[in-house]
Amino acid sequence: MNELKMKRIYESAEPTDGTRILVDRLWPRGISKERAALTRWEKEITPSPELRKWFGHEPERFATFTELYRKELDANPAGDGFVSEIRDFLNEGDVTLLYAAKDPACNHVLVLKDWIEERLKR
């Protein structure tokens, strides 16, 4: 199977990205649709607005955020379909989950990627 990757949307698009999926609820500032070079924009799989605002990318809240976001993902009716689409894309090549957060070590995509990978093993 090919690789599921993460990347800030502010980094240049590259052919090695494969399928590029933006997984932020809000469109990133200063990025044109052309520069984004997206295959898809998946808003429904992102944290709820309330959870996103509470988290605020505060590192001390990350553990609790992870637990709460995973619960949201488990209950999300779009979750199974999203994982199925990721599996299909991975059969064709790499998939890159794109995000706008500044901190690569404290953002929702870390949780989402881990959650997806767990489900891909089932």
PDB file of N, CA and C in Angstrom:
ATOM      1  N   MET A   1       0.843  -1.185   0.000  1.00  0.00           N
ATOM      2  CA  MET A   1       0.000   0.000   0.000  1.00  0.00           C
ATOM      3  C   MET A   1       0.883   1.242   0.000  1.00  0.00           C
ATOM      4  N   ASN A   2       0.367   2.282  -0.549  1.00  0.00           N
ATOM      5  CA  ASN A   2       1.091   3.545  -0.611  1.00  0.00           C
ATOM      6  C   ASN A   2       1.018   4.280   0.720  1.00  0.00           C
ATOM      7  N   GLU A   3       1.587   5.470   0.767  1.00  0.00           N
ATOM      8  CA  GLU A   3       1.763   6.187   2.030  1.00  0.00           C
ATOM      9  C   GLU A   3       0.704   7.265   2.257  1.00  0.00           C
ATOM     10  N   LEU A   4       0.229   7.341   3.513  1.00  0.00           N
ATOM     11  CA  LEU A   4      -0.644   8.424   3.962  1.00  0.00           C
ATOM     12  C   LEU A   4       0.240   9.444   4.654  1.00  0.00           C
ATOM     13  N   LYS A   5       0.272  10.664   4.121  1.00  0.00           N
ATOM     14  CA  LYS A   5       1.181  11.697   4.614  1.00  0.00           C
ATOM     15  C   LYS A   5       0.401  12.912   5.110  1.00  0.00           C
ATOM     16  N   MET A   6       1.128  13.795   5.779  1.00  0.00           N
ATOM     17  CA  MET A   6       0.582  15.078   6.242  1.00  0.00           C
ATOM     18  C   MET A   6       1.498  16.191   5.737  1.00  0.00           C
ATOM     19  N   LYS A   7       0.886  17.348   5.489  1.00  0.00           N
ATOM     20  CA  LYS A   7       1.683  18.466   4.988  1.00  0.00           C
ATOM     21  C   LYS A   7       0.910  19.764   5.195  1.00  0.00           C
ATOM     22  N   ARG A   8       1.630  20.818   5.534  1.00  0.00           N
ATOM     23  CA  ARG A   8       0.978  22.132   5.603  1.00  0.00           C
ATOM     24  C   ARG A   8       0.614  22.586   4.205  1.00  0.00           C
ATOM     25  N   ILE A   9      -0.545  23.155   4.072  1.00  0.00           N
ATOM     26  CA  ILE A   9      -1.008  23.593   2.754  1.00  0.00           C
ATOM     27  C   ILE A   9      -0.155  24.748   2.219  1.00  0.00           C
ATOM     28  N   TYR A  10       0.580  25.402   3.095  1.00  0.00           N
ATOM     29  CA  TYR A  10       1.425  26.521   2.678  1.00  0.00           C
ATOM     30  C   TYR A  10       2.718  26.047   2.010  1.00  0.00           C
ATOM     31  N   GLU A  11       3.019  24.756   2.099  1.00  0.00           N
ATOM     32  CA  GLU A  11       4.157  24.198   1.381  1.00  0.00           C
ATOM     33  C   GLU A  11       3.736  23.953  -0.063  1.00  0.00           C
ATOM     34  N   SER A  12       4.684  24.006  -0.976  1.00  0.00           N
ATOM     35  CA  SER A  12       4.382  23.826  -2.395  1.00  0.00           C
ATOM     36  C   SER A  12       3.839  22.433  -2.682  1.00  0.00           C
ATOM     37  N   ALA A  13       2.898  22.397  -3.608  1.00  0.00           N
ATOM     38  CA  ALA A  13       2.382  21.111  -4.088  1.00  0.00           C
ATOM     39  C   ALA A  13       3.467  20.428  -4.902  1.00  0.00           C
ATOM     40  N   GLU A  14       3.591  19.118  -4.713  1.00  0.00           N
ATOM     41  CA  GLU A  14       4.593  18.337  -5.441  1.00  0.00           C
ATOM     42  C   GLU A  14       3.935  17.086  -5.998  1.00  0.00           C
ATOM     43  N   PRO A  15       4.447  16.565  -7.107  1.00  0.00           N
ATOM     44  CA  PRO A  15       3.873  15.331  -7.663  1.00  0.00           C
ATOM     45  C   PRO A  15       3.889  14.171  -6.669  1.00  0.00           C
ATOM     46  N   THR A  16       4.863  14.151  -5.761  1.00  0.00           N
ATOM     47  CA  THR A  16       4.957  13.068  -4.776  1.00  0.00           C
ATOM     48  C   THR A  16       3.858  13.141  -3.719  1.00  0.00           C
ATOM     49  N   ASP A  17       3.095  14.236  -3.677  1.00  0.00           N
ATOM     50  CA  ASP A  17       1.978  14.348  -2.733  1.00  0.00           C
ATOM     51  C   ASP A  17       0.872  13.352  -3.070  1.00  0.00           C
ATOM     52  N   GLY A  18       0.739  13.029  -4.328  1.00  0.00           N
ATOM     53  CA  GLY A  18      -0.354  12.150  -4.744  1.00  0.00           C
ATOM     54  C   GLY A  18      -1.682  12.879  -4.618  1.00  0.00           C
ATOM     55  N   THR A  19      -2.672  12.212  -4.060  1.00  0.00           N
ATOM     56  CA  THR A  19      -3.989  12.806  -3.835  1.00  0.00           C
ATOM     57  C   THR A  19      -3.875  13.801  -2.689  1.00  0.00           C
ATOM     58  N   ARG A  20      -4.281  15.036  -2.937  1.00  0.00           N
ATOM     59  CA  ARG A  20      -4.168  16.098  -1.931  1.00  0.00           C
ATOM     60  C   ARG A  20      -5.560  16.421  -1.381  1.00  0.00           C
ATOM     61  N   ILE A  21      -5.714  16.208  -0.064  1.00  0.00           N
ATOM     62  CA  ILE A  21      -7.015  16.422   0.573  1.00  0.00           C
ATOM     63  C   ILE A  21      -6.865  17.432   1.701  1.00  0.00           C
ATOM     64  N   LEU A  22      -7.544  18.559   1.575  1.00  0.00           N
ATOM     65  CA  LEU A  22      -7.576  19.557   2.632  1.00  0.00           C
ATOM     66  C   LEU A  22      -8.548  19.087   3.699  1.00  0.00           C
ATOM     67  N   VAL A  23      -8.072  18.971   4.936  1.00  0.00           N
ATOM     68  CA  VAL A  23      -8.899  18.508   6.042  1.00  0.00           C
ATOM     69  C   VAL A  23      -8.998  19.588   7.119  1.00  0.00           C
ATOM     70  N   ASP A  24      -9.324  20.787   6.693  1.00  0.00           N
ATOM     71  CA  ASP A  24      -9.621  21.918   7.581  1.00  0.00           C
ATOM     72  C   ASP A  24     -11.038  22.378   7.285  1.00  0.00           C
ATOM     73  N   ARG A  25     -11.752  22.802   8.317  1.00  0.00           N
ATOM     74  CA  ARG A  25     -13.125  23.280   8.130  1.00  0.00           C
ATOM     75  C   ARG A  25     -13.134  24.647   7.434  1.00  0.00           C
ATOM     76  N   LEU A  26     -12.127  25.459   7.714  1.00  0.00           N
ATOM     77  CA  LEU A  26     -12.039  26.806   7.140  1.00  0.00           C
ATOM     78  C   LEU A  26     -10.985  26.837   6.040  1.00  0.00           C
ATOM     79  N   TRP A  27     -11.257  27.610   4.993  1.00  0.00           N
ATOM     80  CA  TRP A  27     -10.276  27.746   3.914  1.00  0.00           C
ATOM     81  C   TRP A  27      -9.059  28.511   4.448  1.00  0.00           C
ATOM     82  N   PRO A  28      -7.850  28.041   4.161  1.00  0.00           N
ATOM     83  CA  PRO A  28      -6.630  28.692   4.666  1.00  0.00           C
ATOM     84  C   PRO A  28      -6.403  30.076   4.040  1.00  0.00           C
ATOM     85  N   ARG A  29      -6.050  31.001   4.878  1.00  0.00           N
ATOM     86  CA  ARG A  29      -5.805  32.377   4.428  1.00  0.00           C
ATOM     87  C   ARG A  29      -4.634  32.434   3.456  1.00  0.00           C
ATOM     88  N   GLY A  30      -4.816  33.244   2.421  1.00  0.00           N
ATOM     89  CA  GLY A  30      -3.728  33.517   1.491  1.00  0.00           C
ATOM     90  C   GLY A  30      -3.436  32.410   0.489  1.00  0.00           C
ATOM     91  N   ILE A  31      -4.260  31.396   0.433  1.00  0.00           N
ATOM     92  CA  ILE A  31      -4.043  30.289  -0.506  1.00  0.00           C
ATOM     93  C   ILE A  31      -5.126  30.332  -1.582  1.00  0.00           C
ATOM     94  N   SER A  32      -4.690  30.391  -2.827  1.00  0.00           N
ATOM     95  CA  SER A  32      -5.656  30.345  -3.930  1.00  0.00           C
ATOM     96  C   SER A  32      -6.027  28.897  -4.212  1.00  0.00           C
ATOM     97  N   LYS A  33      -7.143  28.702  -4.851  1.00  0.00           N
ATOM     98  CA  LYS A  33      -7.565  27.339  -5.222  1.00  0.00           C
ATOM     99  C   LYS A  33      -6.523  26.692  -6.138  1.00  0.00           C
ATOM    100  N   GLU A  34      -5.928  27.478  -7.025  1.00  0.00           N
ATOM    101  CA  GLU A  34      -4.920  26.942  -7.939  1.00  0.00           C
ATOM    102  C   GLU A  34      -3.675  26.490  -7.183  1.00  0.00           C
ATOM    103  N   ARG A  35      -3.204  27.320  -6.260  1.00  0.00           N
ATOM    104  CA  ARG A  35      -2.004  26.977  -5.494  1.00  0.00           C
ATOM    105  C   ARG A  35      -2.256  25.767  -4.593  1.00  0.00           C
ATOM    106  N   ALA A  36      -3.466  25.642  -4.101  1.00  0.00           N
ATOM    107  CA  ALA A  36      -3.805  24.517  -3.220  1.00  0.00           C
ATOM    108  C   ALA A  36      -3.706  23.186  -3.960  1.00  0.00           C
ATOM    109  N   ALA A  37      -4.031  23.185  -5.234  1.00  0.00           N
ATOM    110  CA  ALA A  37      -3.947  21.984  -6.072  1.00  0.00           C
ATOM    111  C   ALA A  37      -4.621  20.781  -5.394  1.00  0.00           C
ATOM    112  N   LEU A  38      -5.836  21.000  -4.937  1.00  0.00           N
ATOM    113  CA  LEU A  38      -6.546  19.970  -4.185  1.00  0.00           C
ATOM    114  C   LEU A  38      -7.224  18.949  -5.079  1.00  0.00           C
ATOM    115  N   THR A  39      -7.290  17.741  -4.571  1.00  0.00           N
ATOM    116  CA  THR A  39      -8.153  16.724  -5.142  1.00  0.00           C
ATOM    117  C   THR A  39      -9.529  16.853  -4.503  1.00  0.00           C
ATOM    118  N   ARG A  40      -9.522  17.122  -3.185  1.00  0.00           N
ATOM    119  CA  ARG A  40     -10.767  17.244  -2.421  1.00  0.00           C
ATOM    120  C   ARG A  40     -10.577  18.193  -1.252  1.00  0.00           C
ATOM    121  N   TRP A  41     -11.703  18.685  -0.752  1.00  0.00           N
ATOM    122  CA  TRP A  41     -11.734  19.452   0.499  1.00  0.00           C
ATOM    123  C   TRP A  41     -12.771  18.771   1.378  1.00  0.00           C
ATOM    124  N   GLU A  42     -12.330  18.169   2.456  1.00  0.00           N
ATOM    125  CA  GLU A  42     -13.207  17.413   3.349  1.00  0.00           C
ATOM    126  C   GLU A  42     -13.419  18.184   4.651  1.00  0.00           C
ATOM    127  N   LYS A  43     -14.491  18.931   4.730  1.00  0.00           N
ATOM    128  CA  LYS A  43     -14.800  19.712   5.933  1.00  0.00           C
ATOM    129  C   LYS A  43     -15.491  18.867   6.993  1.00  0.00           C
ATOM    130  N   GLU A  44     -16.244  17.877   6.558  1.00  0.00           N
ATOM    131  CA  GLU A  44     -17.095  17.116   7.475  1.00  0.00           C
ATOM    132  C   GLU A  44     -16.324  16.201   8.418  1.00  0.00           C
ATOM    133  N   ILE A  45     -15.057  15.944   8.129  1.00  0.00           N
ATOM    134  CA  ILE A  45     -14.270  15.016   8.940  1.00  0.00           C
ATOM    135  C   ILE A  45     -13.402  15.773   9.960  1.00  0.00           C
ATOM    136  N   THR A  46     -13.534  17.064   9.990  1.00  0.00           N
ATOM    137  CA  THR A  46     -12.721  17.908  10.869  1.00  0.00           C
ATOM    138  C   THR A  46     -13.385  18.055  12.244  1.00  0.00           C
ATOM    139  N   PRO A  47     -12.651  18.565  13.221  1.00  0.00           N
ATOM    140  CA  PRO A  47     -13.259  18.780  14.545  1.00  0.00           C
ATOM    141  C   PRO A  47     -14.445  19.742  14.461  1.00  0.00           C
ATOM    142  N   SER A  48     -15.402  19.552  15.351  1.00  0.00           N
ATOM    143  CA  SER A  48     -16.549  20.455  15.395  1.00  0.00           C
ATOM    144  C   SER A  48     -16.045  21.875  15.686  1.00  0.00           C
ATOM    145  N   PRO A  49     -16.799  22.887  15.259  1.00  0.00           N
ATOM    146  CA  PRO A  49     -16.378  24.262  15.546  1.00  0.00           C
ATOM    147  C   PRO A  49     -16.151  24.501  17.043  1.00  0.00           C
ATOM    148  N   GLU A  50     -16.993  23.922  17.880  1.00  0.00           N
ATOM    149  CA  GLU A  50     -16.851  24.122  19.332  1.00  0.00           C
ATOM    150  C   GLU A  50     -15.541  23.512  19.843  1.00  0.00           C
ATOM    151  N   LEU A  51     -15.236  22.299  19.397  1.00  0.00           N
ATOM    152  CA  LEU A  51     -13.999  21.640  19.831  1.00  0.00           C
ATOM    153  C   LEU A  51     -12.780  22.373  19.287  1.00  0.00           C
ATOM    154  N   ARG A  52     -12.843  22.784  18.031  1.00  0.00           N
ATOM    155  CA  ARG A  52     -11.719  23.506  17.409  1.00  0.00           C
ATOM    156  C   ARG A  52     -11.426  24.798  18.167  1.00  0.00           C
ATOM    157  N   LYS A  53     -12.468  25.545  18.499  1.00  0.00           N
ATOM    158  CA  LYS A  53     -12.278  26.814  19.211  1.00  0.00           C
ATOM    159  C   LYS A  53     -11.757  26.580  20.626  1.00  0.00           C
ATOM    160  N   TRP A  54     -12.282  25.553  21.303  1.00  0.00           N
ATOM    161  CA  TRP A  54     -11.810  25.256  22.655  1.00  0.00           C
ATOM    162  C   TRP A  54     -10.329  24.875  22.635  1.00  0.00           C
ATOM    163  N   PHE A  55      -9.935  24.032  21.702  1.00  0.00           N
ATOM    164  CA  PHE A  55      -8.550  23.560  21.609  1.00  0.00           C
ATOM    165  C   PHE A  55      -7.587  24.717  21.374  1.00  0.00           C
ATOM    166  N   GLY A  56      -7.862  25.526  20.385  1.00  0.00           N
ATOM    167  CA  GLY A  56      -7.028  26.687  20.099  1.00  0.00           C
ATOM    168  C   GLY A  56      -5.555  26.384  19.893  1.00  0.00           C
ATOM    169  N   HIS A  57      -5.219  25.150  19.547  1.00  0.00           N
ATOM    170  CA  HIS A  57      -3.832  24.709  19.334  1.00  0.00           C
ATOM    171  C   HIS A  57      -2.948  24.937  20.552  1.00  0.00           C
ATOM    172  N   GLU A  58      -3.553  24.825  21.736  1.00  0.00           N
ATOM    173  CA  GLU A  58      -2.816  24.944  22.996  1.00  0.00           C
ATOM    174  C   GLU A  58      -2.229  23.573  23.342  1.00  0.00           C
ATOM    175  N   PRO A  59      -0.905  23.450  23.387  1.00  0.00           N
ATOM    176  CA  PRO A  59      -0.282  22.138  23.634  1.00  0.00           C
ATOM    177  C   PRO A  59      -0.769  21.447  24.904  1.00  0.00           C
ATOM    178  N   GLU A  60      -1.066  22.205  25.945  1.00  0.00           N
ATOM    179  CA  GLU A  60      -1.513  21.584  27.196  1.00  0.00           C
ATOM    180  C   GLU A  60      -2.918  20.982  27.072  1.00  0.00           C
ATOM    181  N   ARG A  61      -3.643  21.334  26.041  1.00  0.00           N
ATOM    182  CA  ARG A  61      -4.980  20.786  25.809  1.00  0.00           C
ATOM    183  C   ARG A  61      -4.983  19.626  24.805  1.00  0.00           C
ATOM    184  N   PHE A  62      -3.820  19.315  24.233  1.00  0.00           N
ATOM    185  CA  PHE A  62      -3.778  18.360  23.133  1.00  0.00           C
ATOM    186  C   PHE A  62      -4.254  16.957  23.529  1.00  0.00           C
ATOM    187  N   ALA A  63      -3.881  16.475  24.682  1.00  0.00           N
ATOM    188  CA  ALA A  63      -4.292  15.123  25.107  1.00  0.00           C
ATOM    189  C   ALA A  63      -5.812  15.037  25.222  1.00  0.00           C
ATOM    190  N   THR A  64      -6.423  16.030  25.856  1.00  0.00           N
ATOM    191  CA  THR A  64      -7.878  16.040  25.985  1.00  0.00           C
ATOM    192  C   THR A  64      -8.524  16.236  24.620  1.00  0.00           C
ATOM    193  N   PHE A  65      -7.958  17.119  23.820  1.00  0.00           N
ATOM    194  CA  PHE A  65      -8.466  17.335  22.463  1.00  0.00           C
ATOM    195  C   PHE A  65      -8.449  16.030  21.671  1.00  0.00           C
ATOM    196  N   THR A  66      -7.343  15.287  21.771  1.00  0.00           N
ATOM    197  CA  THR A  66      -7.217  14.024  21.046  1.00  0.00           C
ATOM    198  C   THR A  66      -8.348  13.076  21.420  1.00  0.00           C
ATOM    199  N   GLU A  67      -8.596  12.943  22.692  1.00  0.00           N
ATOM    200  CA  GLU A  67      -9.663  12.061  23.172  1.00  0.00           C
ATOM    201  C   GLU A  67     -11.031  12.511  22.649  1.00  0.00           C
ATOM    202  N   LEU A  68     -11.310  13.803  22.741  1.00  0.00           N
ATOM    203  CA  LEU A  68     -12.609  14.328  22.310  1.00  0.00           C
ATOM    204  C   LEU A  68     -12.785  14.252  20.796  1.00  0.00           C
ATOM    205  N   TYR A  69     -11.729  14.540  20.057  1.00  0.00           N
ATOM    206  CA  TYR A  69     -11.826  14.496  18.592  1.00  0.00           C
ATOM    207  C   TYR A  69     -12.012  13.052  18.116  1.00  0.00           C
ATOM    208  N   ARG A  70     -11.319  12.114  18.736  1.00  0.00           N
ATOM    209  CA  ARG A  70     -11.490  10.700  18.372  1.00  0.00           C
ATOM    210  C   ARG A  70     -12.937  10.255  18.616  1.00  0.00           C
ATOM    211  N   LYS A  71     -13.533  10.735  19.686  1.00  0.00           N
ATOM    212  CA  LYS A  71     -14.949  10.418  19.944  1.00  0.00           C
ATOM    213  C   LYS A  71     -15.835  10.999  18.847  1.00  0.00           C
ATOM    214  N   GLU A  72     -15.516  12.231  18.440  1.00  0.00           N
ATOM    215  CA  GLU A  72     -16.275  12.838  17.341  1.00  0.00           C
ATOM    216  C   GLU A  72     -16.109  12.023  16.055  1.00  0.00           C
ATOM    217  N   LEU A  73     -14.877  11.619  15.770  1.00  0.00           N
ATOM    218  CA  LEU A  73     -14.631  10.833  14.563  1.00  0.00           C
ATOM    219  C   LEU A  73     -15.383   9.506  14.603  1.00  0.00           C
ATOM    220  N   ASP A  74     -15.359   8.838  15.744  1.00  0.00           N
ATOM    221  CA  ASP A  74     -16.057   7.556  15.881  1.00  0.00           C
ATOM    222  C   ASP A  74     -17.560   7.703  15.645  1.00  0.00           C
ATOM    223  N   ALA A  75     -18.120   8.835  16.034  1.00  0.00           N
ATOM    224  CA  ALA A  75     -19.563   9.073  15.900  1.00  0.00           C
ATOM    225  C   ALA A  75     -19.942   9.754  14.582  1.00  0.00           C
ATOM    226  N   ASN A  76     -18.958  10.162  13.805  1.00  0.00           N
ATOM    227  CA  ASN A  76     -19.208  10.923  12.586  1.00  0.00           C
ATOM    228  C   ASN A  76     -19.777  10.010  11.492  1.00  0.00           C
ATOM    229  N   PRO A  77     -20.982  10.310  10.991  1.00  0.00           N
ATOM    230  CA  PRO A  77     -21.562   9.469   9.948  1.00  0.00           C
ATOM    231  C   PRO A  77     -20.752   9.473   8.647  1.00  0.00           C
ATOM    232  N   ALA A  78     -19.909  10.466   8.442  1.00  0.00           N
ATOM    233  CA  ALA A  78     -19.079  10.526   7.239  1.00  0.00           C
ATOM    234  C   ALA A  78     -17.783   9.731   7.388  1.00  0.00           C
ATOM    235  N   GLY A  79     -17.487   9.256   8.596  1.00  0.00           N
ATOM    236  CA  GLY A  79     -16.207   8.625   8.882  1.00  0.00           C
ATOM    237  C   GLY A  79     -15.904   7.385   8.063  1.00  0.00           C
ATOM    238  N   ASP A  80     -16.824   6.424   8.031  1.00  0.00           N
ATOM    239  CA  ASP A  80     -16.578   5.177   7.301  1.00  0.00           C
ATOM    240  C   ASP A  80     -16.382   5.428   5.811  1.00  0.00           C
ATOM    241  N   GLY A  81     -17.204   6.289   5.242  1.00  0.00           N
ATOM    242  CA  GLY A  81     -17.070   6.622   3.820  1.00  0.00           C
ATOM    243  C   GLY A  81     -15.745   7.299   3.522  1.00  0.00           C
ATOM    244  N   PHE A  82     -15.317   8.177   4.423  1.00  0.00           N
ATOM    245  CA  PHE A  82     -14.044   8.876   4.241  1.00  0.00           C
ATOM    246  C   PHE A  82     -12.887   7.874   4.249  1.00  0.00           C
ATOM    247  N   VAL A  83     -12.885   6.961   5.205  1.00  0.00           N
ATOM    248  CA  VAL A  83     -11.819   5.960   5.284  1.00  0.00           C
ATOM    249  C   VAL A  83     -11.827   5.080   4.030  1.00  0.00           C
ATOM    250  N   SER A  84     -12.996   4.734   3.557  1.00  0.00           N
ATOM    251  CA  SER A  84     -13.110   3.928   2.337  1.00  0.00           C
ATOM    252  C   SER A  84     -12.514   4.666   1.134  1.00  0.00           C
ATOM    253  N   GLU A  85     -12.792   5.966   1.043  1.00  0.00           N
ATOM    254  CA  GLU A  85     -12.225   6.765  -0.048  1.00  0.00           C
ATOM    255  C   GLU A  85     -10.705   6.859   0.074  1.00  0.00           C
ATOM    256  N   ILE A  86     -10.209   7.028   1.286  1.00  0.00           N
ATOM    257  CA  ILE A  86      -8.759   7.070   1.502  1.00  0.00           C
ATOM    258  C   ILE A  86      -8.139   5.749   1.040  1.00  0.00           C
ATOM    259  N   ARG A  87      -8.771   4.630   1.404  1.00  0.00           N
ATOM    260  CA  ARG A  87      -8.274   3.313   0.988  1.00  0.00           C
ATOM    261  C   ARG A  87      -8.199   3.234  -0.537  1.00  0.00           C
ATOM    262  N   ASP A  88      -9.246   3.699  -1.210  1.00  0.00           N
ATOM    263  CA  ASP A  88      -9.259   3.680  -2.678  1.00  0.00           C
ATOM    264  C   ASP A  88      -8.150   4.556  -3.252  1.00  0.00           C
ATOM    265  N   PHE A  89      -7.985   5.740  -2.700  1.00  0.00           N
ATOM    266  CA  PHE A  89      -6.923   6.631  -3.178  1.00  0.00           C
ATOM    267  C   PHE A  89      -5.546   6.004  -2.954  1.00  0.00           C
ATOM    268  N   LEU A  90      -5.365   5.358  -1.808  1.00  0.00           N
ATOM    269  CA  LEU A  90      -4.074   4.723  -1.500  1.00  0.00           C
ATOM    270  C   LEU A  90      -3.783   3.550  -2.434  1.00  0.00           C
ATOM    271  N   ASN A  91      -4.795   2.934  -2.969  1.00  0.00           N
ATOM    272  CA  ASN A  91      -4.576   1.871  -3.954  1.00  0.00           C
ATOM    273  C   ASN A  91      -3.997   2.429  -5.250  1.00  0.00           C
ATOM    274  N   GLU A  92      -4.205   3.720  -5.480  1.00  0.00           N
ATOM    275  CA  GLU A  92      -3.721   4.381  -6.689  1.00  0.00           C
ATOM    276  C   GLU A  92      -2.380   5.082  -6.492  1.00  0.00           C
ATOM    277  N   GLY A  93      -2.062   5.485  -5.254  1.00  0.00           N
ATOM    278  CA  GLY A  93      -0.827   6.232  -4.989  1.00  0.00           C
ATOM    279  C   GLY A  93      -0.858   6.810  -3.585  1.00  0.00           C
ATOM    280  N   ASP A  94       0.071   7.701  -3.317  1.00  0.00           N
ATOM    281  CA  ASP A  94       0.140   8.339  -2.006  1.00  0.00           C
ATOM    282  C   ASP A  94      -1.030   9.295  -1.808  1.00  0.00           C
ATOM    283  N   VAL A  95      -1.324   9.570  -0.537  1.00  0.00           N
ATOM    284  CA  VAL A  95      -2.369  10.522  -0.164  1.00  0.00           C
ATOM    285  C   VAL A  95      -1.758  11.484   0.846  1.00  0.00           C
ATOM    286  N   THR A  96      -1.969  12.767   0.643  1.00  0.00           N
ATOM    287  CA  THR A  96      -1.467  13.780   1.558  1.00  0.00           C
ATOM    288  C   THR A  96      -2.633  14.543   2.164  1.00  0.00           C
ATOM    289  N   LEU A  97      -2.701  14.501   3.502  1.00  0.00           N
ATOM    290  CA  LEU A  97      -3.692  15.275   4.248  1.00  0.00           C
ATOM    291  C   LEU A  97      -3.109  16.657   4.488  1.00  0.00           C
ATOM    292  N   LEU A  98      -3.795  17.670   4.017  1.00  0.00           N
ATOM    293  CA  LEU A  98      -3.309  19.045   4.105  1.00  0.00           C
ATOM    294  C   LEU A  98      -4.012  19.798   5.215  1.00  0.00           C
ATOM    295  N   TYR A  99      -3.250  20.629   5.908  1.00  0.00           N
ATOM    296  CA  TYR A  99      -3.782  21.412   7.023  1.00  0.00           C
ATOM    297  C   TYR A  99      -3.090  22.767   7.045  1.00  0.00           C
ATOM    298  N   ALA A 100      -3.688  23.724   7.756  1.00  0.00           N
ATOM    299  CA  ALA A 100      -3.145  25.074   7.813  1.00  0.00           C
ATOM    300  C   ALA A 100      -2.453  25.398   9.134  1.00  0.00           C
ATOM    301  N   ALA A 101      -2.653  24.601  10.157  1.00  0.00           N
ATOM    302  CA  ALA A 101      -2.092  24.885  11.481  1.00  0.00           C
ATOM    303  C   ALA A 101      -0.586  25.102  11.405  1.00  0.00           C
ATOM    304  N   LYS A 102      -0.080  25.991  12.256  1.00  0.00           N
ATOM    305  CA  LYS A 102       1.345  26.313  12.250  1.00  0.00           C
ATOM    306  C   LYS A 102       2.204  25.235  12.890  1.00  0.00           C
ATOM    307  N   ASP A 103       1.680  24.580  13.921  1.00  0.00           N
ATOM    308  CA  ASP A 103       2.474  23.627  14.692  1.00  0.00           C
ATOM    309  C   ASP A 103       2.268  22.209  14.166  1.00  0.00           C
ATOM    310  N   PRO A 104       3.299  21.608  13.553  1.00  0.00           N
ATOM    311  CA  PRO A 104       3.141  20.251  13.026  1.00  0.00           C
ATOM    312  C   PRO A 104       3.049  19.182  14.118  1.00  0.00           C
ATOM    313  N   ALA A 105       3.339  19.547  15.358  1.00  0.00           N
ATOM    314  CA  ALA A 105       3.306  18.580  16.457  1.00  0.00           C
ATOM    315  C   ALA A 105       2.070  18.723  17.339  1.00  0.00           C
ATOM    316  N   CYS A 106       1.200  19.679  17.009  1.00  0.00           N
ATOM    317  CA  CYS A 106       0.020  19.922  17.850  1.00  0.00           C
ATOM    318  C   CYS A 106      -1.123  20.404  16.962  1.00  0.00           C
ATOM    319  N   ASN A 107      -1.726  19.445  16.235  1.00  0.00           N
ATOM    320  CA  ASN A 107      -2.846  19.803  15.376  1.00  0.00           C
ATOM    321  C   ASN A 107      -3.759  18.596  15.158  1.00  0.00           C
ATOM    322  N   HIS A 108      -4.932  18.842  14.655  1.00  0.00           N
ATOM    323  CA  HIS A 108      -5.934  17.791  14.513  1.00  0.00           C
ATOM    324  C   HIS A 108      -5.569  16.724  13.494  1.00  0.00           C
ATOM    325  N   VAL A 109      -4.708  17.041  12.540  1.00  0.00           N
ATOM    326  CA  VAL A 109      -4.380  16.074  11.498  1.00  0.00           C
ATOM    327  C   VAL A 109      -3.562  14.908  12.057  1.00  0.00           C
ATOM    328  N   LEU A 110      -2.801  15.145  13.102  1.00  0.00           N
ATOM    329  CA  LEU A 110      -2.092  14.043  13.759  1.00  0.00           C
ATOM    330  C   LEU A 110      -3.088  13.004  14.274  1.00  0.00           C
ATOM    331  N   VAL A 111      -4.149  13.479  14.875  1.00  0.00           N
ATOM    332  CA  VAL A 111      -5.188  12.600  15.411  1.00  0.00           C
ATOM    333  C   VAL A 111      -5.934  11.923  14.265  1.00  0.00           C
ATOM    334  N   LEU A 112      -6.299  12.691  13.259  1.00  0.00           N
ATOM    335  CA  LEU A 112      -7.040  12.164  12.121  1.00  0.00           C
ATOM    336  C   LEU A 112      -6.236  11.095  11.387  1.00  0.00           C
ATOM    337  N   LYS A 113      -4.976  11.353  11.139  1.00  0.00           N
ATOM    338  CA  LYS A 113      -4.128  10.385  10.424  1.00  0.00           C
ATOM    339  C   LYS A 113      -4.035   9.081  11.204  1.00  0.00           C
ATOM    340  N   ASP A 114      -3.822   9.166  12.501  1.00  0.00           N
ATOM    341  CA  ASP A 114      -3.740   7.978  13.341  1.00  0.00           C
ATOM    342  C   ASP A 114      -5.060   7.206  13.307  1.00  0.00           C
ATOM    343  N   TRP A 115      -6.167   7.917  13.401  1.00  0.00           N
ATOM    344  CA  TRP A 115      -7.502   7.311  13.375  1.00  0.00           C
ATOM    345  C   TRP A 115      -7.740   6.594  12.045  1.00  0.00           C
ATOM    346  N   ILE A 116      -7.371   7.239  10.946  1.00  0.00           N
ATOM    347  CA  ILE A 116      -7.529   6.630   9.620  1.00  0.00           C
ATOM    348  C   ILE A 116      -6.686   5.362   9.522  1.00  0.00           C
ATOM    349  N   GLU A 117      -5.424   5.453   9.930  1.00  0.00           N
ATOM    350  CA  GLU A 117      -4.523   4.301   9.819  1.00  0.00           C
ATOM    351  C   GLU A 117      -5.032   3.110  10.634  1.00  0.00           C
ATOM    352  N   GLU A 118      -5.605   3.361  11.786  1.00  0.00           N
ATOM    353  CA  GLU A 118      -6.179   2.276  12.586  1.00  0.00           C
ATOM    354  C   GLU A 118      -7.310   1.584  11.810  1.00  0.00           C
ATOM    355  N   ARG A 119      -8.148   2.361  11.173  1.00  0.00           N
ATOM    356  CA  ARG A 119      -9.279   1.800  10.436  1.00  0.00           C
ATOM    357  C   ARG A 119      -8.859   1.110   9.141  1.00  0.00           C
ATOM    358  N   LEU A 120      -7.783   1.564   8.543  1.00  0.00           N
ATOM    359  CA  LEU A 120      -7.293   0.914   7.333  1.00  0.00           C
ATOM    360  C   LEU A 120      -6.786  -0.500   7.609  1.00  0.00           C
ATOM    361  N   LYS A 121      -6.385  -0.763   8.839  1.00  0.00           N
ATOM    362  CA  LYS A 121      -5.874  -2.083   9.213  1.00  0.00           C
ATOM    363  C   LYS A 121      -6.989  -3.097   9.449  1.00  0.00           C
ATOM    364  N   ARG A 122      -8.203  -2.626   9.566  1.00  0.00           N
ATOM    365  CA  ARG A 122      -9.347  -3.521   9.854  1.00  0.00           C
ATOM    366  C   ARG A 122      -9.735  -4.330   8.641  1.00  0.00           C
TER     367      ARG A 122
END
